[in-house]
Amino acid sequence: MVTVIKKGTPRDEIKKKINEAISKAPKLDIMKYAGKLQTDIDPLEYQKQMRDEWE
């Protein structure tokens, strides 16, 4: 969606157009990604392996 705002447009009208554009945007449900990952990998061992820090 494209919103055209010309030079010299009053601030109230600009805010109105921006709010209309935002309200029409689809809302994403990001809460399904919240929480921690369930894995069988030990985080510290994985980090050492990625950094190549074997003792």
PDB file of N, CA and C in Angstrom:
ATOM      1  N   MET A   1       0.841  -1.173   0.000  1.00  0.00           N
ATOM      2  CA  MET A   1       0.000   0.000   0.000  1.00  0.00           C
ATOM      3  C   MET A   1       0.890   1.241   0.000  1.00  0.00           C
ATOM      4  N   VAL A   2       0.502   2.218  -0.772  1.00  0.00           N
ATOM      5  CA  VAL A   2       1.265   3.450  -0.891  1.00  0.00           C
ATOM      6  C   VAL A   2       0.413   4.602  -0.394  1.00  0.00           C
ATOM      7  N   THR A   3       0.996   5.411   0.476  1.00  0.00           N
ATOM      8  CA  THR A   3       0.321   6.610   0.963  1.00  0.00           C
ATOM      9  C   THR A   3       1.117   7.802   0.470  1.00  0.00           C
ATOM     10  N   VAL A   4       0.459   8.684  -0.247  1.00  0.00           N
ATOM     11  CA  VAL A   4       1.123   9.858  -0.795  1.00  0.00           C
ATOM     12  C   VAL A   4       0.858  11.044   0.123  1.00  0.00           C
ATOM     13  N   ILE A   5       1.935  11.654   0.591  1.00  0.00           N
ATOM     14  CA  ILE A   5       1.841  12.848   1.432  1.00  0.00           C
ATOM     15  C   ILE A   5       2.646  13.928   0.728  1.00  0.00           C
ATOM     16  N   LYS A   6       1.966  14.974   0.334  1.00  0.00           N
ATOM     17  CA  LYS A   6       2.628  16.040  -0.403  1.00  0.00           C
ATOM     18  C   LYS A   6       3.186  17.084   0.549  1.00  0.00           C
ATOM     19  N   LYS A   7       4.151  17.816   0.045  1.00  0.00           N
ATOM     20  CA  LYS A   7       4.782  18.874   0.812  1.00  0.00           C
ATOM     21  C   LYS A   7       3.743  19.936   1.161  1.00  0.00           C
ATOM     22  N   GLY A   8       3.737  20.369   2.405  1.00  0.00           N
ATOM     23  CA  GLY A   8       2.807  21.401   2.838  1.00  0.00           C
ATOM     24  C   GLY A   8       1.522  20.841   3.441  1.00  0.00           C
ATOM     25  N   THR A   9       1.415  19.520   3.543  1.00  0.00           N
ATOM     26  CA  THR A   9       0.240  18.895   4.135  1.00  0.00           C
ATOM     27  C   THR A   9       0.268  19.138   5.644  1.00  0.00           C
ATOM     28  N   PRO A  10      -0.869  19.529   6.227  1.00  0.00           N
ATOM     29  CA  PRO A  10      -0.908  19.778   7.672  1.00  0.00           C
ATOM     30  C   PRO A  10      -0.577  18.513   8.477  1.00  0.00           C
ATOM     31  N   ARG A  11       0.002  18.713   9.670  1.00  0.00           N
ATOM     32  CA  ARG A  11       0.418  17.589  10.507  1.00  0.00           C
ATOM     33  C   ARG A  11      -0.759  16.686  10.881  1.00  0.00           C
ATOM     34  N   ASP A  12      -1.902  17.263  11.143  1.00  0.00           N
ATOM     35  CA  ASP A  12      -3.068  16.473  11.523  1.00  0.00           C
ATOM     36  C   ASP A  12      -3.455  15.501  10.406  1.00  0.00           C
ATOM     37  N   GLU A  13      -3.413  15.976   9.181  1.00  0.00           N
ATOM     38  CA  GLU A  13      -3.765  15.122   8.042  1.00  0.00           C
ATOM     39  C   GLU A  13      -2.707  14.035   7.831  1.00  0.00           C
ATOM     40  N   ILE A  14      -1.439  14.368   8.047  1.00  0.00           N
ATOM     41  CA  ILE A  14      -0.364  13.385   7.925  1.00  0.00           C
ATOM     42  C   ILE A  14      -0.557  12.275   8.954  1.00  0.00           C
ATOM     43  N   LYS A  15      -0.824  12.656  10.205  1.00  0.00           N
ATOM     44  CA  LYS A  15      -1.037  11.667  11.262  1.00  0.00           C
ATOM     45  C   LYS A  15      -2.245  10.794  10.952  1.00  0.00           C
ATOM     46  N   LYS A  16      -3.295  11.393  10.396  1.00  0.00           N
ATOM     47  CA  LYS A  16      -4.501  10.648  10.050  1.00  0.00           C
ATOM     48  C   LYS A  16      -4.193   9.609   8.978  1.00  0.00           C
ATOM     49  N   LYS A  17      -3.437   9.996   7.944  1.00  0.00           N
ATOM     50  CA  LYS A  17      -3.086   9.070   6.866  1.00  0.00           C
ATOM     51  C   LYS A  17      -2.189   7.940   7.366  1.00  0.00           C
ATOM     52  N   ILE A  18      -1.250   8.270   8.242  1.00  0.00           N
ATOM     53  CA  ILE A  18      -0.361   7.249   8.783  1.00  0.00           C
ATOM     54  C   ILE A  18      -1.141   6.259   9.642  1.00  0.00           C
ATOM     55  N   ASN A  19      -2.036   6.761  10.478  1.00  0.00           N
ATOM     56  CA  ASN A  19      -2.843   5.875  11.315  1.00  0.00           C
ATOM     57  C   ASN A  19      -3.740   4.972  10.478  1.00  0.00           C
ATOM     58  N   GLU A  20      -4.275   5.470   9.386  1.00  0.00           N
ATOM     59  CA  GLU A  20      -5.095   4.651   8.491  1.00  0.00           C
ATOM     60  C   GLU A  20      -4.258   3.540   7.862  1.00  0.00           C
ATOM     61  N   ALA A  21      -3.047   3.866   7.442  1.00  0.00           N
ATOM     62  CA  ALA A  21      -2.171   2.871   6.819  1.00  0.00           C
ATOM     63  C   ALA A  21      -1.774   1.794   7.823  1.00  0.00           C
ATOM     64  N   ILE A  22      -1.513   2.195   9.049  1.00  0.00           N
ATOM     65  CA  ILE A  22      -1.121   1.234  10.083  1.00  0.00           C
ATOM     66  C   ILE A  22      -2.293   0.329  10.449  1.00  0.00           C
ATOM     67  N   SER A  23      -3.479   0.893  10.546  1.00  0.00           N
ATOM     68  CA  SER A  23      -4.632   0.086  10.949  1.00  0.00           C
ATOM     69  C   SER A  23      -5.020  -0.931   9.876  1.00  0.00           C
ATOM     70  N   LYS A  24      -4.675  -0.684   8.623  1.00  0.00           N
ATOM     71  CA  LYS A  24      -5.003  -1.610   7.534  1.00  0.00           C
ATOM     72  C   LYS A  24      -3.962  -2.707   7.369  1.00  0.00           C
ATOM     73  N   ALA A  25      -2.804  -2.546   8.015  1.00  0.00           N
ATOM     74  CA  ALA A  25      -1.738  -3.541   7.891  1.00  0.00           C
ATOM     75  C   ALA A  25      -2.149  -4.821   8.614  1.00  0.00           C
ATOM     76  N   PRO A  26      -1.810  -5.984   8.049  1.00  0.00           N
ATOM     77  CA  PRO A  26      -2.162  -7.249   8.713  1.00  0.00           C
ATOM     78  C   PRO A  26      -1.388  -7.407  10.018  1.00  0.00           C
ATOM     79  N   LYS A  27      -2.054  -7.911  11.027  1.00  0.00           N
ATOM     80  CA  LYS A  27      -1.435  -8.120  12.328  1.00  0.00           C
ATOM     81  C   LYS A  27      -0.826  -9.523  12.369  1.00  0.00           C
ATOM     82  N   LEU A  28       0.405  -9.616  12.838  1.00  0.00           N
ATOM     83  CA  LEU A  28       1.094 -10.892  12.938  1.00  0.00           C
ATOM     84  C   LEU A  28       1.033 -11.390  14.381  1.00  0.00           C
ATOM     85  N   ASP A  29       0.787 -12.681  14.550  1.00  0.00           N
ATOM     86  CA  ASP A  29       0.762 -13.280  15.876  1.00  0.00           C
ATOM     87  C   ASP A  29       2.152 -13.807  16.192  1.00  0.00           C
ATOM     88  N   ILE A  30       2.941 -13.004  16.916  1.00  0.00           N
ATOM     89  CA  ILE A  30       4.304 -13.410  17.231  1.00  0.00           C
ATOM     90  C   ILE A  30       4.390 -14.164  18.555  1.00  0.00           C
ATOM     91  N   MET A  31       3.302 -14.260  19.293  1.00  0.00           N
ATOM     92  CA  MET A  31       3.329 -14.970  20.561  1.00  0.00           C
ATOM     93  C   MET A  31       3.551 -16.477  20.371  1.00  0.00           C
ATOM     94  N   LYS A  32       3.277 -17.004  19.184  1.00  0.00           N
ATOM     95  CA  LYS A  32       3.505 -18.426  18.956  1.00  0.00           C
ATOM     96  C   LYS A  32       4.992 -18.759  18.966  1.00  0.00           C
ATOM     97  N   TYR A  33       5.853 -17.746  18.830  1.00  0.00           N
ATOM     98  CA  TYR A  33       7.291 -17.951  18.859  1.00  0.00           C
ATOM     99  C   TYR A  33       7.893 -17.689  20.242  1.00  0.00           C
ATOM    100  N   ALA A  34       7.082 -17.233  21.195  1.00  0.00           N
ATOM    101  CA  ALA A  34       7.580 -16.895  22.528  1.00  0.00           C
ATOM    102  C   ALA A  34       7.903 -18.161  23.309  1.00  0.00           C
ATOM    103  N   GLY A  35       8.884 -18.066  24.195  1.00  0.00           N
ATOM    104  CA  GLY A  35       9.247 -19.206  25.028  1.00  0.00           C
ATOM    105  C   GLY A  35      10.633 -19.699  24.705  1.00  0.00           C
ATOM    106  N   LYS A  36      10.961 -20.856  25.226  1.00  0.00           N
ATOM    107  CA  LYS A  36      12.291 -21.397  24.962  1.00  0.00           C
ATOM    108  C   LYS A  36      12.212 -22.581  24.009  1.00  0.00           C
ATOM    109  N   LEU A  37      13.298 -22.846  23.371  1.00  0.00           N
ATOM    110  CA  LEU A  37      13.366 -23.944  22.419  1.00  0.00           C
ATOM    111  C   LEU A  37      13.542 -25.267  23.150  1.00  0.00           C
ATOM    112  N   GLN A  38      12.898 -26.285  22.666  1.00  0.00           N
ATOM    113  CA  GLN A  38      13.036 -27.619  23.228  1.00  0.00           C
ATOM    114  C   GLN A  38      14.037 -28.397  22.370  1.00  0.00           C
ATOM    115  N   THR A  39      15.246 -28.600  22.905  1.00  0.00           N
ATOM    116  CA  THR A  39      16.261 -29.342  22.167  1.00  0.00           C
ATOM    117  C   THR A  39      16.960 -30.324  23.095  1.00  0.00           C
ATOM    118  N   ASP A  40      17.668 -31.264  22.513  1.00  0.00           N
ATOM    119  CA  ASP A  40      18.454 -32.231  23.274  1.00  0.00           C
ATOM    120  C   ASP A  40      19.913 -31.807  23.359  1.00  0.00           C
ATOM    121  N   ILE A  41      20.238 -30.628  22.858  1.00  0.00           N
ATOM    122  CA  ILE A  41      21.620 -30.157  22.800  1.00  0.00           C
ATOM    123  C   ILE A  41      21.927 -29.339  24.053  1.00  0.00           C
ATOM    124  N   ASP A  42      23.098 -29.606  24.649  1.00  0.00           N
ATOM    125  CA  ASP A  42      23.557 -28.808  25.775  1.00  0.00           C
ATOM    126  C   ASP A  42      24.057 -27.466  25.235  1.00  0.00           C
ATOM    127  N   PRO A  43      23.499 -26.348  25.694  1.00  0.00           N
ATOM    128  CA  PRO A  43      23.859 -25.040  25.123  1.00  0.00           C
ATOM    129  C   PRO A  43      25.342 -24.703  25.256  1.00  0.00           C
ATOM    130  N   LEU A  44      25.960 -25.030  26.395  1.00  0.00           N
ATOM    131  CA  LEU A  44      27.371 -24.698  26.569  1.00  0.00           C
ATOM    132  C   LEU A  44      28.266 -25.532  25.661  1.00  0.00           C
ATOM    133  N   GLU A  45      27.940 -26.809  25.529  1.00  0.00           N
ATOM    134  CA  GLU A  45      28.719 -27.663  24.621  1.00  0.00           C
ATOM    135  C   GLU A  45      28.571 -27.196  23.173  1.00  0.00           C
ATOM    136  N   TYR A  46      27.379 -26.814  22.804  1.00  0.00           N
ATOM    137  CA  TYR A  46      27.143 -26.322  21.443  1.00  0.00           C
ATOM    138  C   TYR A  46      27.937 -25.042  21.192  1.00  0.00           C
ATOM    139  N   GLN A  47      27.924 -24.132  22.194  1.00  0.00           N
ATOM    140  CA  GLN A  47      28.662 -22.877  22.052  1.00  0.00           C
ATOM    141  C   GLN A  47      30.155 -23.137  21.909  1.00  0.00           C
ATOM    142  N   LYS A  48      30.683 -24.047  22.718  1.00  0.00           N
ATOM    143  CA  LYS A  48      32.110 -24.377  22.616  1.00  0.00           C
ATOM    144  C   LYS A  48      32.438 -24.980  21.254  1.00  0.00           C
ATOM    145  N   GLN A  49      31.530 -25.834  20.774  1.00  0.00           N
ATOM    146  CA  GLN A  49      31.758 -26.461  19.469  1.00  0.00           C
ATOM    147  C   GLN A  49      31.748 -25.400  18.359  1.00  0.00           C
ATOM    148  N   MET A  50      30.832 -24.456  18.435  1.00  0.00           N
ATOM    149  CA  MET A  50      30.754 -23.422  17.399  1.00  0.00           C
ATOM    150  C   MET A  50      31.963 -22.508  17.451  1.00  0.00           C
ATOM    151  N   ARG A  51      32.481 -22.270  18.640  1.00  0.00           N
ATOM    152  CA  ARG A  51      33.655 -21.404  18.789  1.00  0.00           C
ATOM    153  C   ARG A  51      34.954 -22.186  18.660  1.00  0.00           C
ATOM    154  N   ASP A  52      34.838 -23.501  18.580  1.00  0.00           N
ATOM    155  CA  ASP A  52      36.003 -24.371  18.482  1.00  0.00           C
ATOM    156  C   ASP A  52      36.887 -24.212  19.696  1.00  0.00           C
ATOM    157  N   GLU A  53      36.258 -24.294  20.903  1.00  0.00           N
ATOM    158  CA  GLU A  53      36.971 -24.097  22.165  1.00  0.00           C
ATOM    159  C   GLU A  53      37.065 -25.400  22.955  1.00  0.00           C
ATOM    160  N   TRP A  54      37.503 -26.443  22.364  1.00  0.00           N
ATOM    161  CA  TRP A  54      37.631 -27.698  23.105  1.00  0.00           C
ATOM    162  C   TRP A  54      38.846 -27.617  24.025  1.00  0.00           C
ATOM    163  N   GLU A  55      38.675 -28.124  25.218  1.00  0.00           N
ATOM    164  CA  GLU A  55      39.769 -28.075  26.199  1.00  0.00           C
ATOM    165  C   GLU A  55      40.735 -29.204  26.024  1.00  0.00           C
TER     166      GLU A  55
END
